[in-house]
Amino acid sequence: MTIIDPDIRKAETLPSRFYTDSNVLNEILFSFGNHWHFAAHRSQLSSVHSIDNSLREPMLLTLDGGDVHCISNVCTHRGMLVCSESGKARRLQCPYHGRTFDLDGRFRNMPEFSEVENFPTENDHLTQFPLAEWKGMLFNTITADNFEGFIEAVDARVGWLDIENFSHDISRHRSYTIDSNWALYVDNYLEGFHIPFVHGDLHQVLDYDGYRTELFEGGVLQIGIANEGEPCFDLPANHPDFGQKVAAYYYWLFPGLMLNFYPWGLSVNLVIPEAVDRTRIVYHGFVDDASMLGQGAGGDLDKVEAEDQFVVEGCQKGVSSIAYERGRYSPTKETGVHHFHRILTE
């Protein structure tokens, strides 16, 4: 059993096995179903939308009129995936033997089953999964509840934004596979300590001394303050940060959801573990003010991502060495990493 001391001044970081042991990863992944995950923004939806996140459970979002459903993508006949891509459809049809379903997942028809007794039953419908919506953003889970508590800290700072009317920008979609453990990627995200050393251009637009980190249950908020003349939010008068030049709100929500709010809109980053030393990072972009694109803290996300990949892949090699077991935290710069490690081990 690993314990991270709650006093960051005394605490040691995660043991290296959390980054290198496949059994530890599998235990962690088993718990992911107990948490909420980003599924899509309404601006992405057509009739059928295949969900790509770290739940490792095949799921679909379906849009039936104005209603959105989160249903299993596994046919109730022989287990084939019903849909392999997103698109428009009036109903769902399994490509294996032709079983069809309504968009809400209810069984509709099956060829060559007229002689089957006691058919269909409730078990022939596609399984429904919990779905929650906040300002046009859709989140799914297997067993989590208390969505209000999950999104509360995000709503408190950026709920004033017109997020439901942000537009999905397919040109900003990215999918990177990196040779690193997922938790190393999260570690790196959760501190601005490395910015002057790794992100030279980003360091030019952010006030390093003004950068701050706030902790809340299940997540971390990092607030980037703009240097003089750089883009920042026009915050409403009743906002808790009114009068400050906020260039970015960086939210991390356990386990691997990153919501990065900039004056131009929102970048959603998903951290999807694929193996103990391989992770897929998926970016979605949702634009509010296109005139602000390419500027400020969110101006060149591809460059920042490449710089982060270099660091975390190097760390993966390092933590796999016999020379490394655990490190220590900076009490002034790594409170977010410490908070993540405590959540992960508890």
Protein backbone atom coordinates (compact mmCIF):
# COMPACT_ATOMS: atom_id res chain seq x y z
CA MET A 1 0.00 0.00 0.00
CA THR A 2 1.41 3.37 -1.04
CA ILE A 3 0.76 6.43 1.08
CA ILE A 4 1.56 9.96 -0.03
CA ASP A 5 2.15 12.12 3.03
CA PRO A 6 -0.47 14.92 3.15
CA ASP A 7 2.29 17.33 4.15
CA ILE A 8 3.93 18.16 0.83
CA ARG A 9 7.08 19.29 2.65
CA LYS A 10 7.61 15.72 3.88
CA ALA A 11 6.04 13.74 1.05
CA GLU A 12 7.74 11.52 -1.51
CA THR A 13 6.34 11.18 -5.04
CA LEU A 14 4.78 8.07 -6.54
CA PRO A 15 6.98 4.96 -6.55
CA SER A 16 8.29 4.12 -10.01
CA ARG A 17 6.06 1.03 -10.27
CA PHE A 18 3.05 3.31 -10.82
CA TYR A 19 4.65 4.20 -14.15
CA THR A 20 6.19 0.86 -15.10
CA ASP A 21 4.10 -2.02 -13.70
CA SER A 22 1.28 -3.29 -15.94
CA ASN A 23 -0.54 -4.82 -12.96
CA VAL A 24 -0.67 -1.44 -11.22
CA LEU A 25 -2.02 0.16 -14.40
CA ASN A 26 -4.75 -2.47 -14.74
CA GLU A 27 -5.86 -1.90 -11.14
CA ILE A 28 -6.08 1.84 -11.80
CA LEU A 29 -7.96 1.41 -15.08
CA PHE A 30 -10.52 -0.78 -13.35
CA SER A 31 -11.54 2.25 -11.25
CA PHE A 32 -12.02 4.60 -14.21
CA GLY A 33 -15.65 3.53 -14.57
CA ASN A 34 -16.37 5.17 -11.22
CA HIS A 35 -15.66 8.62 -12.67
CA TRP A 36 -17.14 10.98 -15.27
CA HIS A 37 -15.48 11.31 -18.68
CA PHE A 38 -15.89 13.77 -21.55
CA ALA A 39 -17.90 12.24 -24.40
CA ALA A 40 -18.61 15.14 -26.82
CA HIS A 41 -19.92 18.67 -27.24
CA ARG A 42 -23.33 18.99 -28.87
CA SER A 43 -21.73 20.80 -31.81
CA GLN A 44 -19.97 17.50 -32.68
CA LEU A 45 -23.09 15.38 -32.84
CA SER A 46 -24.86 13.96 -35.84
CA SER A 47 -27.28 11.05 -35.42
CA VAL A 48 -24.62 8.63 -34.21
CA HIS A 49 -21.36 9.57 -32.47
CA SER A 50 -18.77 7.00 -31.42
CA ILE A 51 -17.29 7.88 -28.02
CA ASP A 52 -13.51 7.91 -27.71
CA ASN A 53 -12.31 8.19 -24.12
CA SER A 54 -10.53 6.14 -21.48
CA LEU A 55 -13.47 4.08 -20.23
CA ARG A 56 -12.47 1.11 -22.45
CA GLU A 57 -16.16 0.34 -22.94
CA PRO A 58 -17.62 0.61 -26.48
CA MET A 59 -20.31 3.32 -26.32
CA LEU A 60 -22.30 5.54 -28.64
CA LEU A 61 -24.01 8.88 -28.32
CA THR A 62 -27.16 9.04 -30.41
CA LEU A 63 -29.16 12.17 -31.21
CA ASP A 64 -32.86 11.41 -31.56
CA GLY A 65 -34.65 14.69 -32.16
CA GLY A 66 -33.28 16.84 -29.34
CA ASP A 67 -32.63 13.90 -27.02
CA VAL A 68 -29.15 12.48 -26.57
CA HIS A 69 -28.68 8.88 -25.42
CA CYS A 70 -25.55 7.08 -24.26
CA ILE A 71 -25.86 3.44 -25.27
CA SER A 72 -23.70 0.37 -25.69
CA ASN A 73 -22.04 -0.15 -29.07
CA VAL A 74 -22.13 -3.93 -28.58
CA CYS A 75 -24.79 -5.90 -30.46
CA THR A 76 -26.91 -8.10 -28.20
CA HIS A 77 -26.78 -10.99 -30.71
CA ARG A 78 -23.10 -11.99 -30.92
CA GLY A 79 -21.22 -9.03 -29.48
CA MET A 80 -20.20 -7.33 -32.72
CA LEU A 81 -19.63 -3.56 -32.62
CA VAL A 82 -22.75 -1.98 -34.06
CA CYS A 83 -21.08 1.16 -35.43
CA SER A 84 -17.48 1.78 -36.44
CA GLU A 85 -17.78 5.50 -37.20
CA SER A 86 -19.92 8.54 -36.51
CA GLY A 87 -22.50 9.80 -38.99
CA LYS A 88 -26.15 10.23 -39.86
CA ALA A 89 -28.61 7.37 -39.51
CA ARG A 90 -32.30 6.80 -38.84
CA ARG A 91 -31.60 3.57 -37.00
CA LEU A 92 -28.69 1.35 -35.95
CA GLN A 93 -27.91 -1.87 -37.81
CA CYS A 94 -25.29 -4.41 -36.82
CA PRO A 95 -23.02 -5.09 -39.84
CA TYR A 96 -22.60 -8.77 -38.86
CA HIS A 97 -26.11 -10.27 -39.08
CA GLY A 98 -28.35 -7.25 -39.60
CA ARG A 99 -29.94 -6.84 -36.17
CA THR A 100 -31.41 -3.33 -35.96
CA PHE A 101 -32.09 -0.94 -33.10
CA ASP A 102 -33.81 2.43 -32.70
CA LEU A 103 -31.58 5.40 -31.88
CA ASP A 104 -32.50 5.06 -28.22
CA GLY A 105 -31.07 1.51 -28.25
CA ARG A 106 -34.32 -0.40 -28.27
CA PHE A 107 -34.36 -3.63 -30.29
CA ARG A 108 -36.23 -3.25 -33.57
CA ASN A 109 -35.77 -6.30 -35.83
CA MET A 110 -33.68 -9.43 -36.40
CA PRO A 111 -33.59 -11.61 -39.56
CA GLU A 112 -34.10 -15.39 -39.29
CA PHE A 113 -35.32 -15.26 -35.69
CA SER A 114 -39.02 -15.94 -36.25
CA GLU A 115 -38.79 -19.39 -34.67
CA VAL A 116 -36.85 -18.29 -31.58
CA GLU A 117 -38.93 -18.70 -28.42
CA ASN A 118 -39.35 -15.94 -25.83
CA PHE A 119 -37.82 -13.35 -28.16
CA PRO A 120 -37.25 -10.45 -27.97
CA THR A 121 -36.76 -9.68 -24.27
CA GLU A 122 -35.40 -6.68 -22.38
CA ASN A 123 -31.94 -8.20 -22.77
CA ASP A 124 -32.10 -7.63 -26.52
CA HIS A 125 -32.04 -3.83 -26.16
CA LEU A 126 -28.69 -2.06 -26.13
CA THR A 127 -27.48 -1.24 -22.61
CA GLN A 128 -28.02 2.37 -21.50
CA PHE A 129 -25.23 4.23 -19.65
CA PRO A 130 -25.47 7.36 -17.46
CA LEU A 131 -25.11 10.64 -19.33
CA ALA A 132 -24.87 14.19 -18.01
CA GLU A 133 -24.77 17.57 -19.74
CA TRP A 134 -23.24 20.89 -18.74
CA LYS A 135 -23.49 23.89 -21.08
CA GLY A 136 -23.61 21.71 -24.20
CA MET A 137 -20.81 19.42 -23.02
CA LEU A 138 -21.74 15.76 -22.59
CA PHE A 139 -20.13 13.44 -20.03
CA ASN A 140 -20.58 9.70 -19.60
CA THR A 141 -19.70 7.07 -17.03
CA ILE A 142 -20.38 3.48 -16.04
CA THR A 143 -21.20 3.89 -12.34
CA ALA A 144 -20.39 7.46 -11.22
CA ASP A 145 -22.98 9.77 -9.67
CA ASN A 146 -22.95 13.32 -8.26
CA PHE A 147 -22.23 15.02 -11.56
CA GLU A 148 -22.96 18.39 -9.94
CA GLY A 149 -20.03 17.89 -7.58
CA PHE A 150 -17.81 16.81 -10.46
CA ILE A 151 -18.42 19.97 -12.51
CA GLU A 152 -18.91 22.48 -9.67
CA ALA A 153 -15.39 23.92 -9.64
CA VAL A 154 -15.40 24.38 -13.42
CA ASP A 155 -18.76 26.13 -13.41
CA ALA A 156 -17.63 28.48 -10.65
CA ARG A 157 -14.89 30.03 -12.82
CA VAL A 158 -16.01 29.64 -16.45
CA GLY A 159 -19.76 29.06 -16.20
CA TRP A 160 -20.32 32.64 -17.46
CA LEU A 161 -18.90 31.70 -20.88
CA ASP A 162 -21.32 30.84 -23.72
CA ILE A 163 -19.89 27.32 -23.95
CA GLU A 164 -23.07 25.74 -25.32
CA ASN A 165 -22.67 27.89 -28.44
CA PHE A 166 -18.96 27.19 -28.99
CA SER A 167 -18.37 25.63 -32.43
CA HIS A 168 -16.50 22.40 -32.95
CA ASP A 169 -13.45 23.04 -35.14
CA ILE A 170 -12.40 19.77 -36.79
CA SER A 171 -9.14 21.36 -37.95
CA ARG A 172 -8.05 21.55 -34.32
CA HIS A 173 -8.57 17.83 -33.70
CA ARG A 174 -5.39 15.91 -32.90
CA SER A 175 -4.54 12.38 -31.77
CA TYR A 176 -0.99 11.69 -30.56
CA THR A 177 0.43 8.38 -29.35
CA ILE A 178 3.33 8.86 -26.95
CA ASP A 179 5.74 6.36 -25.38
CA SER A 180 4.93 7.25 -21.81
CA ASN A 181 2.74 6.22 -18.92
CA TRP A 182 -0.50 8.19 -18.66
CA ALA A 183 0.26 9.41 -15.13
CA LEU A 184 3.54 11.00 -16.24
CA TYR A 185 1.58 13.05 -18.76
CA VAL A 186 -0.82 14.18 -16.02
CA ASP A 187 2.10 14.95 -13.69
CA ASN A 188 3.61 17.22 -16.33
CA TYR A 189 0.31 19.00 -16.99
CA LEU A 190 -0.29 19.76 -13.32
CA GLU A 191 2.59 22.17 -12.77
CA GLY A 192 3.84 25.35 -14.37
CA PHE A 193 7.25 24.76 -12.79
CA HIS A 194 8.67 23.49 -16.09
CA ILE A 195 7.37 26.30 -18.31
CA PRO A 196 10.55 28.46 -18.34
CA PHE A 197 12.70 25.39 -19.08
CA VAL A 198 10.50 23.58 -21.62
CA HIS A 199 8.08 26.09 -23.20
CA GLY A 200 10.08 29.16 -24.19
CA ASP A 201 7.35 30.74 -26.32
CA LEU A 202 4.64 30.10 -23.72
CA HIS A 203 6.90 31.60 -21.07
CA GLN A 204 6.99 34.84 -23.10
CA VAL A 205 3.20 35.31 -22.86
CA LEU A 206 2.60 34.14 -19.27
CA ASP A 207 3.59 35.85 -16.03
CA TYR A 208 5.51 33.04 -14.30
CA ASP A 209 5.38 34.72 -10.90
CA GLY A 210 1.61 35.21 -11.22
CA TYR A 211 0.91 31.60 -12.20
CA ARG A 212 -1.08 29.87 -9.48
CA THR A 213 -2.62 26.53 -8.62
CA GLU A 214 -5.88 25.82 -6.77
CA LEU A 215 -6.92 22.39 -5.50
CA PHE A 216 -10.43 21.02 -5.21
CA GLU A 217 -11.95 17.60 -4.64
CA GLY A 218 -11.20 15.46 -7.66
CA GLY A 219 -9.25 18.06 -9.59
CA VAL A 220 -6.85 20.96 -10.00
CA LEU A 221 -7.19 24.44 -11.49
CA GLN A 222 -4.13 26.28 -12.79
CA ILE A 223 -4.56 29.95 -13.67
CA GLY A 224 -2.21 31.52 -16.19
CA ILE A 225 -1.82 35.29 -15.94
CA ALA A 226 -1.00 37.20 -19.15
CA ASN A 227 2.11 39.30 -19.52
CA GLU A 228 1.55 42.93 -20.51
CA GLY A 229 -0.09 43.27 -23.91
CA GLU A 230 -1.00 39.58 -24.25
CA PRO A 231 -4.63 38.36 -24.73
CA CYS A 232 -6.72 37.81 -21.62
CA PHE A 233 -10.36 37.21 -20.69
CA ASP A 234 -12.79 40.11 -20.39
CA LEU A 235 -14.14 38.92 -17.06
CA PRO A 236 -17.55 40.06 -15.76
CA ALA A 237 -17.62 42.41 -12.77
CA ASN A 238 -18.95 39.73 -10.39
CA HIS A 239 -16.23 37.21 -11.33
CA PRO A 240 -13.85 36.11 -8.53
CA ASP A 241 -10.87 37.02 -10.75
CA PHE A 242 -12.23 40.35 -11.99
CA GLY A 243 -9.45 42.85 -12.53
CA GLN A 244 -6.83 40.16 -13.22
CA LYS A 245 -5.34 39.49 -16.65
CA VAL A 246 -6.25 35.82 -16.90
CA ALA A 247 -4.80 34.28 -20.06
CA ALA A 248 -5.95 30.70 -19.43
CA TYR A 249 -7.87 28.48 -17.06
CA TYR A 250 -6.35 24.99 -17.06
CA TYR A 251 -8.63 22.41 -15.43
CA TRP A 252 -7.70 18.81 -14.74
CA LEU A 253 -10.46 16.45 -13.59
CA PHE A 254 -9.54 12.97 -12.40
CA PRO A 255 -8.51 10.76 -14.02
CA GLY A 256 -7.46 12.20 -17.39
CA LEU A 257 -9.67 15.09 -18.51
CA MET A 258 -8.14 18.49 -19.23
CA LEU A 259 -10.32 21.49 -20.04
CA ASN A 260 -8.21 24.41 -21.24
CA PHE A 261 -10.12 27.68 -21.57
CA TYR A 262 -8.57 30.51 -23.58
CA PRO A 263 -9.97 33.81 -24.88
CA TRP A 264 -10.55 32.06 -28.24
CA GLY A 265 -12.47 29.11 -26.77
CA LEU A 266 -11.84 25.66 -25.34
CA SER A 267 -9.30 22.90 -25.95
CA VAL A 268 -10.33 19.55 -24.48
CA ASN A 269 -7.45 17.11 -23.92
CA LEU A 270 -8.15 13.45 -23.17
CA VAL A 271 -5.44 11.24 -21.67
CA ILE A 272 -6.16 7.65 -22.75
CA PRO A 273 -3.89 4.88 -21.38
CA GLU A 274 -3.16 2.15 -23.93
CA ALA A 275 -0.31 0.31 -22.16
CA VAL A 276 1.90 0.92 -19.16
CA ASP A 277 4.34 2.83 -21.39
CA ARG A 278 2.01 4.04 -24.14
CA THR A 279 -0.68 6.74 -23.99
CA ARG A 280 -2.94 8.36 -26.55
CA ILE A 281 -3.61 12.09 -26.22
CA VAL A 282 -6.72 13.36 -28.02
CA TYR A 283 -7.39 17.07 -28.58
CA HIS A 284 -10.80 18.61 -29.42
CA GLY A 285 -11.13 22.32 -30.21
CA PHE A 286 -14.27 24.43 -29.67
CA VAL A 287 -14.11 28.04 -30.87
CA ASP A 288 -15.87 31.05 -29.40
CA ASP A 289 -13.91 34.01 -30.87
CA ALA A 290 -12.03 33.02 -34.03
CA SER A 291 -10.28 36.41 -34.14
CA MET A 292 -8.28 35.36 -31.06
CA LEU A 293 -6.92 32.13 -32.57
CA GLY A 294 -3.14 31.87 -32.79
CA GLN A 295 -2.56 34.35 -29.98
CA GLY A 296 -1.53 34.18 -26.34
CA ALA A 297 -1.32 31.14 -24.10
CA GLY A 298 -3.41 28.99 -26.44
CA GLY A 299 -1.74 30.25 -29.60
CA ASP A 300 0.41 27.26 -30.63
CA LEU A 301 -0.81 24.13 -28.89
CA ASP A 302 0.97 21.80 -31.33
CA LYS A 303 4.35 23.21 -30.33
CA VAL A 304 3.53 22.98 -26.62
CA GLU A 305 2.37 19.38 -27.10
CA ALA A 306 5.59 18.40 -28.90
CA GLU A 307 7.65 19.93 -26.09
CA ASP A 308 5.61 18.08 -23.47
CA GLN A 309 5.99 14.78 -25.35
CA PHE A 310 9.77 15.16 -25.35
CA VAL A 311 9.75 15.60 -21.58
CA VAL A 312 7.37 12.80 -20.60
CA GLU A 313 8.97 10.27 -22.94
CA GLY A 314 12.31 11.11 -21.38
CA CYS A 315 10.80 10.68 -17.93
CA GLN A 316 9.41 7.28 -18.88
CA LYS A 317 12.92 6.08 -19.66
CA GLY A 318 14.15 7.61 -16.43
CA VAL A 319 11.56 6.12 -14.07
CA SER A 320 12.20 2.71 -15.65
CA SER A 321 15.83 2.91 -14.55
CA ILE A 322 17.16 1.02 -11.54
CA ALA A 323 18.57 4.38 -10.43
CA TYR A 324 15.16 5.91 -9.74
CA GLU A 325 12.48 5.02 -7.20
CA ARG A 326 10.84 8.18 -5.78
CA GLY A 327 11.44 11.91 -5.74
CA ARG A 328 10.26 14.92 -3.72
CA TYR A 329 7.84 17.79 -4.41
CA SER A 330 8.37 21.53 -4.64
CA PRO A 331 5.97 22.91 -1.99
CA THR A 332 5.53 26.12 -4.03
CA LYS A 333 5.21 24.69 -7.54
CA GLU A 334 4.03 21.08 -7.40
CA THR A 335 0.93 21.15 -5.19
CA GLY A 336 -1.17 19.94 -8.14
CA VAL A 337 1.06 16.91 -8.71
CA HIS A 338 0.97 16.11 -4.99
CA HIS A 339 -2.84 16.36 -5.02
CA PHE A 340 -3.08 14.00 -8.03
CA HIS A 341 -0.81 11.45 -6.39
CA ARG A 342 -2.87 11.49 -3.21
CA ILE A 343 -6.10 10.96 -5.19
CA LEU A 344 -4.50 8.13 -7.17
CA THR A 345 -3.18 6.27 -4.13
CA GLU A 346 -6.25 6.80 -1.95
